[in-house]
N, C-alpha and C. Protein backbone atom coordinates (compact mmCIF):
# COMPACT_ATOMS: atom_id res chain seq x y z
N MET A 1 101.47 95.01 71.74
CA MET A 1 100.82 95.07 73.02
C MET A 1 100.32 93.71 73.47
N SER A 2 100.10 92.79 72.55
CA SER A 2 99.60 91.47 72.93
C SER A 2 100.64 90.70 73.74
N ARG A 3 101.89 91.11 73.66
CA ARG A 3 102.95 90.42 74.40
C ARG A 3 103.11 90.96 75.82
N VAL A 4 102.42 92.01 76.16
CA VAL A 4 102.52 92.59 77.50
C VAL A 4 101.71 91.73 78.46
N LYS A 5 102.37 91.25 79.52
CA LYS A 5 101.68 90.42 80.50
C LYS A 5 100.69 91.26 81.28
N GLN A 6 99.51 90.70 81.50
CA GLN A 6 98.50 91.41 82.25
C GLN A 6 98.32 90.85 83.65
N LYS A 7 98.79 89.63 83.87
CA LYS A 7 98.73 89.07 85.21
C LYS A 7 99.97 88.21 85.43
N ASP A 8 100.25 87.96 86.68
CA ASP A 8 101.42 87.18 87.07
C ASP A 8 102.73 87.79 86.57
N THR A 9 102.81 89.10 86.66
CA THR A 9 104.05 89.78 86.29
C THR A 9 105.11 89.50 87.36
N ASP A 10 106.36 89.79 87.06
CA ASP A 10 107.44 89.57 88.02
C ASP A 10 107.17 90.30 89.32
N LEU A 11 106.69 91.54 89.21
CA LEU A 11 106.41 92.33 90.42
C LEU A 11 105.30 91.70 91.25
N GLU A 12 104.24 91.25 90.59
CA GLU A 12 103.13 90.61 91.31
C GLU A 12 103.61 89.34 92.00
N LEU A 13 104.38 88.54 91.29
CA LEU A 13 104.89 87.30 91.87
C LEU A 13 105.78 87.58 93.07
N MET A 14 106.58 88.61 92.99
CA MET A 14 107.46 88.99 94.09
C MET A 14 106.65 89.37 95.34
N VAL A 15 105.66 90.22 95.15
CA VAL A 15 104.82 90.67 96.27
C VAL A 15 104.05 89.49 96.85
N ARG A 16 103.44 88.69 95.99
CA ARG A 16 102.66 87.55 96.47
C ARG A 16 103.52 86.55 97.22
N SER A 17 104.72 86.30 96.73
CA SER A 17 105.63 85.38 97.39
C SER A 17 105.96 85.85 98.80
N ARG A 18 106.28 87.13 98.92
CA ARG A 18 106.61 87.67 100.24
C ARG A 18 105.41 87.66 101.18
N LEU A 19 104.22 87.96 100.64
CA LEU A 19 103.02 87.91 101.48
C LEU A 19 102.75 86.50 101.99
N ARG A 20 102.96 85.51 101.13
CA ARG A 20 102.77 84.11 101.55
C ARG A 20 103.78 83.75 102.64
N LYS A 21 105.02 84.19 102.48
CA LYS A 21 106.05 83.92 103.50
C LYS A 21 105.68 84.54 104.84
N LEU A 22 104.95 85.67 104.79
CA LEU A 22 104.51 86.32 106.02
C LEU A 22 103.25 85.66 106.59
N GLY A 23 102.72 84.66 105.87
CA GLY A 23 101.59 83.90 106.38
C GLY A 23 100.21 84.39 105.93
N TYR A 24 100.16 85.30 105.00
CA TYR A 24 98.87 85.82 104.54
C TYR A 24 98.26 84.91 103.48
N LYS A 25 96.94 84.81 103.54
CA LYS A 25 96.19 84.08 102.52
C LYS A 25 95.36 85.09 101.75
N PHE A 26 95.32 84.93 100.46
CA PHE A 26 94.63 85.90 99.60
C PHE A 26 94.24 85.23 98.30
N LYS A 27 93.46 85.94 97.53
CA LYS A 27 93.08 85.49 96.19
C LYS A 27 93.75 86.41 95.18
N THR A 28 93.87 85.91 93.95
CA THR A 28 94.51 86.72 92.91
C THR A 28 93.59 86.87 91.71
N ASN A 29 93.68 88.04 91.08
CA ASN A 29 92.98 88.32 89.82
C ASN A 29 91.51 87.91 89.87
N VAL A 30 90.80 88.39 90.86
CA VAL A 30 89.40 88.02 91.06
C VAL A 30 88.54 88.70 89.99
N ARG A 31 87.94 87.89 89.16
CA ARG A 31 87.23 88.39 87.98
C ARG A 31 85.95 89.14 88.31
N ASN A 32 85.29 88.80 89.39
CA ASN A 32 84.00 89.43 89.66
C ASN A 32 84.13 90.73 90.45
N LEU A 33 85.33 91.25 90.61
CA LEU A 33 85.55 92.54 91.26
C LEU A 33 85.99 93.56 90.20
N PRO A 34 85.67 94.82 90.40
CA PRO A 34 86.03 95.85 89.42
C PRO A 34 87.54 95.90 89.16
N GLY A 35 87.91 95.83 87.92
CA GLY A 35 89.32 95.97 87.54
C GLY A 35 90.16 94.74 87.77
N ARG A 36 89.58 93.65 88.23
CA ARG A 36 90.33 92.42 88.51
C ARG A 36 91.59 92.69 89.32
N PRO A 37 91.44 93.00 90.60
CA PRO A 37 92.61 93.33 91.43
C PRO A 37 93.66 92.22 91.40
N ASP A 38 94.92 92.61 91.54
CA ASP A 38 96.01 91.65 91.52
C ASP A 38 96.02 90.77 92.76
N ILE A 39 95.69 91.35 93.90
CA ILE A 39 95.66 90.62 95.17
C ILE A 39 94.41 91.07 95.92
N VAL A 40 93.68 90.10 96.48
CA VAL A 40 92.44 90.41 97.19
C VAL A 40 92.42 89.69 98.53
N PHE A 41 92.07 90.44 99.56
CA PHE A 41 91.84 89.90 100.89
C PHE A 41 90.34 90.06 101.16
N PRO A 42 89.53 89.06 100.79
CA PRO A 42 88.07 89.22 100.84
C PRO A 42 87.53 89.52 102.24
N ASN A 43 88.05 88.85 103.25
CA ASN A 43 87.54 89.06 104.62
C ASN A 43 87.80 90.47 105.12
N ALA A 44 88.93 91.02 104.75
CA ALA A 44 89.29 92.38 105.18
C ALA A 44 88.75 93.43 104.22
N LYS A 45 88.20 93.00 103.09
CA LYS A 45 87.71 93.90 102.05
C LYS A 45 88.81 94.86 101.59
N VAL A 46 89.93 94.25 101.22
CA VAL A 46 91.07 95.02 100.72
C VAL A 46 91.47 94.47 99.35
N ALA A 47 91.59 95.37 98.38
CA ALA A 47 92.02 95.02 97.03
C ALA A 47 93.34 95.74 96.75
N VAL A 48 94.30 94.99 96.24
CA VAL A 48 95.62 95.55 95.95
C VAL A 48 95.84 95.52 94.44
N PHE A 49 96.19 96.67 93.90
CA PHE A 49 96.55 96.78 92.49
C PHE A 49 98.03 97.09 92.40
N ILE A 50 98.75 96.32 91.60
CA ILE A 50 100.16 96.57 91.36
C ILE A 50 100.24 97.11 89.94
N ASP A 51 100.50 98.40 89.84
CA ASP A 51 100.39 99.10 88.56
C ASP A 51 101.75 99.50 88.00
N GLY A 52 101.91 99.27 86.71
CA GLY A 52 103.11 99.69 86.00
C GLY A 52 103.10 101.20 85.81
N ASP A 53 104.25 101.81 85.99
CA ASP A 53 104.36 103.27 85.90
C ASP A 53 103.91 103.78 84.53
N PHE A 54 104.29 103.11 83.47
CA PHE A 54 103.93 103.58 82.13
C PHE A 54 102.45 103.32 81.84
N TRP A 55 102.02 102.08 81.99
CA TRP A 55 100.67 101.70 81.57
C TRP A 55 99.57 102.41 82.34
N HIS A 56 99.84 102.74 83.59
CA HIS A 56 98.81 103.40 84.41
C HIS A 56 99.12 104.87 84.62
N GLY A 57 100.17 105.36 83.98
CA GLY A 57 100.42 106.78 83.90
C GLY A 57 100.85 107.46 85.19
N PHE A 58 101.89 106.93 85.83
CA PHE A 58 102.40 107.59 87.03
C PHE A 58 102.92 108.97 86.64
N ARG A 59 102.40 110.02 87.27
CA ARG A 59 102.74 111.42 86.97
C ARG A 59 102.59 111.71 85.47
N PHE A 60 101.53 111.21 84.92
CA PHE A 60 101.27 111.30 83.48
C PHE A 60 101.31 112.72 82.91
N PRO A 61 100.73 113.71 83.58
CA PRO A 61 100.76 115.06 82.99
C PRO A 61 102.17 115.58 82.71
N ALA A 62 103.15 115.09 83.44
CA ALA A 62 104.52 115.58 83.27
C ALA A 62 105.18 115.05 81.99
N TRP A 63 104.71 113.92 81.48
CA TRP A 63 105.37 113.34 80.31
C TRP A 63 104.45 112.96 79.16
N GLU A 64 103.17 113.24 79.30
CA GLU A 64 102.24 112.85 78.22
C GLU A 64 102.53 113.58 76.90
N HIS A 65 103.06 114.79 76.98
CA HIS A 65 103.35 115.55 75.76
C HIS A 65 104.41 114.88 74.88
N LYS A 66 105.15 113.93 75.43
CA LYS A 66 106.20 113.25 74.67
C LYS A 66 105.66 112.08 73.85
N LEU A 67 104.40 111.74 74.06
CA LEU A 67 103.82 110.56 73.42
C LEU A 67 102.99 110.92 72.20
N ARG A 68 102.86 109.95 71.34
CA ARG A 68 101.95 110.11 70.20
C ARG A 68 100.52 110.03 70.71
N ARG A 69 99.63 110.55 69.89
CA ARG A 69 98.21 110.64 70.27
C ARG A 69 97.65 109.28 70.72
N PHE A 70 97.98 108.21 70.00
CA PHE A 70 97.48 106.88 70.35
C PHE A 70 97.80 106.53 71.80
N TRP A 71 99.07 106.72 72.20
CA TRP A 71 99.51 106.35 73.54
C TRP A 71 98.94 107.30 74.59
N ARG A 72 98.85 108.58 74.27
CA ARG A 72 98.23 109.52 75.22
C ARG A 72 96.81 109.10 75.52
N ARG A 73 96.07 108.77 74.47
CA ARG A 73 94.68 108.35 74.65
C ARG A 73 94.60 107.02 75.40
N LYS A 74 95.44 106.07 75.04
CA LYS A 74 95.44 104.75 75.69
C LYS A 74 95.69 104.88 77.19
N ILE A 75 96.72 105.61 77.57
CA ILE A 75 97.05 105.75 78.99
C ILE A 75 96.00 106.59 79.71
N ALA A 76 95.50 107.63 79.07
CA ALA A 76 94.43 108.44 79.68
C ALA A 76 93.20 107.57 79.95
N MET A 77 92.87 106.68 79.03
CA MET A 77 91.72 105.79 79.24
C MET A 77 92.00 104.79 80.36
N ASN A 78 93.23 104.30 80.46
CA ASN A 78 93.60 103.41 81.57
C ASN A 78 93.41 104.12 82.90
N ARG A 79 93.86 105.37 82.96
CA ARG A 79 93.73 106.13 84.20
C ARG A 79 92.27 106.39 84.56
N LEU A 80 91.46 106.68 83.56
CA LEU A 80 90.04 106.89 83.78
C LEU A 80 89.38 105.61 84.29
N ARG A 81 89.70 104.49 83.67
CA ARG A 81 89.16 103.20 84.10
C ARG A 81 89.59 102.89 85.55
N ASP A 82 90.85 103.18 85.89
CA ASP A 82 91.33 102.96 87.25
C ASP A 82 90.51 103.78 88.25
N ARG A 83 90.29 105.05 87.95
CA ARG A 83 89.51 105.91 88.86
C ARG A 83 88.09 105.38 89.02
N ARG A 84 87.49 104.95 87.92
CA ARG A 84 86.13 104.41 87.96
C ARG A 84 86.08 103.15 88.84
N ASN A 85 87.05 102.27 88.65
CA ASN A 85 87.08 101.04 89.45
C ASN A 85 87.31 101.32 90.92
N PHE A 86 88.18 102.27 91.24
CA PHE A 86 88.43 102.62 92.64
C PHE A 86 87.17 103.18 93.29
N ARG A 87 86.42 103.99 92.55
CA ARG A 87 85.15 104.52 93.07
C ARG A 87 84.16 103.39 93.36
N LYS A 88 84.13 102.40 92.48
CA LYS A 88 83.23 101.26 92.69
C LYS A 88 83.60 100.52 93.98
N PHE A 89 84.88 100.35 94.21
CA PHE A 89 85.32 99.70 95.44
C PHE A 89 84.91 100.50 96.67
N ARG A 90 85.10 101.80 96.62
CA ARG A 90 84.73 102.63 97.76
C ARG A 90 83.23 102.56 98.02
N ALA A 91 82.44 102.49 96.96
CA ALA A 91 80.99 102.37 97.10
C ALA A 91 80.62 101.03 97.75
N MET A 92 81.45 100.01 97.55
CA MET A 92 81.22 98.69 98.16
C MET A 92 81.86 98.60 99.55
N HIS A 93 82.43 99.71 100.02
CA HIS A 93 83.09 99.79 101.33
C HIS A 93 84.35 98.91 101.40
N TRP A 94 85.08 98.88 100.31
CA TRP A 94 86.36 98.20 100.25
C TRP A 94 87.47 99.25 100.28
N GLN A 95 88.63 98.81 100.73
CA GLN A 95 89.81 99.67 100.67
C GLN A 95 90.66 99.24 99.47
N VAL A 96 91.13 100.21 98.73
CA VAL A 96 91.99 99.94 97.57
C VAL A 96 93.40 100.41 97.90
N ILE A 97 94.35 99.53 97.65
CA ILE A 97 95.76 99.88 97.80
C ILE A 97 96.37 99.81 96.41
N ARG A 98 96.93 100.92 95.99
CA ARG A 98 97.61 100.96 94.70
C ARG A 98 99.11 101.05 94.98
N ILE A 99 99.83 100.09 94.44
CA ILE A 99 101.28 100.09 94.59
C ILE A 99 101.88 100.23 93.20
N TRP A 100 102.73 101.22 93.05
CA TRP A 100 103.35 101.49 91.77
C TRP A 100 104.61 100.65 91.60
N GLN A 101 104.91 100.37 90.36
CA GLN A 101 106.09 99.60 89.98
C GLN A 101 107.36 100.15 90.64
N HIS A 102 107.57 101.45 90.57
CA HIS A 102 108.80 102.03 91.11
C HIS A 102 108.87 101.91 92.63
N GLN A 103 107.71 101.87 93.30
CA GLN A 103 107.70 101.73 94.75
C GLN A 103 108.17 100.34 95.16
N ILE A 104 107.73 99.33 94.44
CA ILE A 104 108.16 97.96 94.74
C ILE A 104 109.65 97.81 94.51
N LYS A 105 110.13 98.36 93.41
CA LYS A 105 111.55 98.26 93.10
C LYS A 105 112.41 99.01 94.10
N ALA A 106 111.91 100.11 94.62
CA ALA A 106 112.69 100.93 95.55
C ALA A 106 112.65 100.37 96.97
N ASP A 107 111.49 99.90 97.42
CA ASP A 107 111.37 99.48 98.82
C ASP A 107 110.18 98.53 98.99
N LEU A 108 110.41 97.27 98.70
CA LEU A 108 109.36 96.26 98.79
C LEU A 108 108.82 96.14 100.21
N ASP A 109 109.68 96.24 101.21
CA ASP A 109 109.24 96.09 102.60
C ASP A 109 108.21 97.14 103.00
N THR A 110 108.38 98.37 102.56
CA THR A 110 107.41 99.42 102.86
C THR A 110 106.07 99.10 102.19
N CYS A 111 106.11 98.60 100.99
CA CYS A 111 104.87 98.22 100.29
C CYS A 111 104.15 97.10 101.05
N LEU A 112 104.90 96.13 101.53
CA LEU A 112 104.31 95.03 102.29
C LEU A 112 103.72 95.52 103.60
N ARG A 113 104.38 96.46 104.25
CA ARG A 113 103.84 97.03 105.50
C ARG A 113 102.53 97.77 105.23
N ARG A 114 102.45 98.46 104.11
CA ARG A 114 101.21 99.15 103.73
C ARG A 114 100.06 98.15 103.61
N ILE A 115 100.33 97.04 102.96
CA ILE A 115 99.30 96.01 102.81
C ILE A 115 98.95 95.41 104.15
N SER A 116 99.96 95.04 104.92
CA SER A 116 99.75 94.41 106.24
C SER A 116 98.93 95.29 107.16
N SER A 117 99.23 96.57 107.18
CA SER A 117 98.51 97.47 108.09
C SER A 117 97.06 97.64 107.67
N SER A 118 96.75 97.40 106.43
CA SER A 118 95.37 97.56 105.95
C SER A 118 94.51 96.34 106.21
N ILE A 119 95.11 95.18 106.35
CA ILE A 119 94.29 93.98 106.53
C ILE A 119 94.19 93.53 107.97
N LYS A 120 94.77 94.26 108.88
CA LYS A 120 94.67 93.89 110.30
C LYS A 120 93.57 94.65 110.98
């Protein structure tokens, strides 16, 4: 697990590159915000999380039975932490955008439009 990248993943770099080409300015991996969002638009109060399907448990109940107890617990705790962090953002009156790995791979432009529409 120590070899798993936690920031500057290929997907994050792809999204950030396209956002820069569109002229957006943002911060990355802001430590003083809950969950260290991947992309942050402080003025618009928008935090973007780019989440891996496995690590953050996309449709987890459908496939958790296939995992060993260690991984079930690990992913369940990740999901719990994500929910807690999203609640903290809502309490601070921020908008959270969660983009899943498979969404970026399937249609990056739609993901970028989601972000764009939230910061305007």
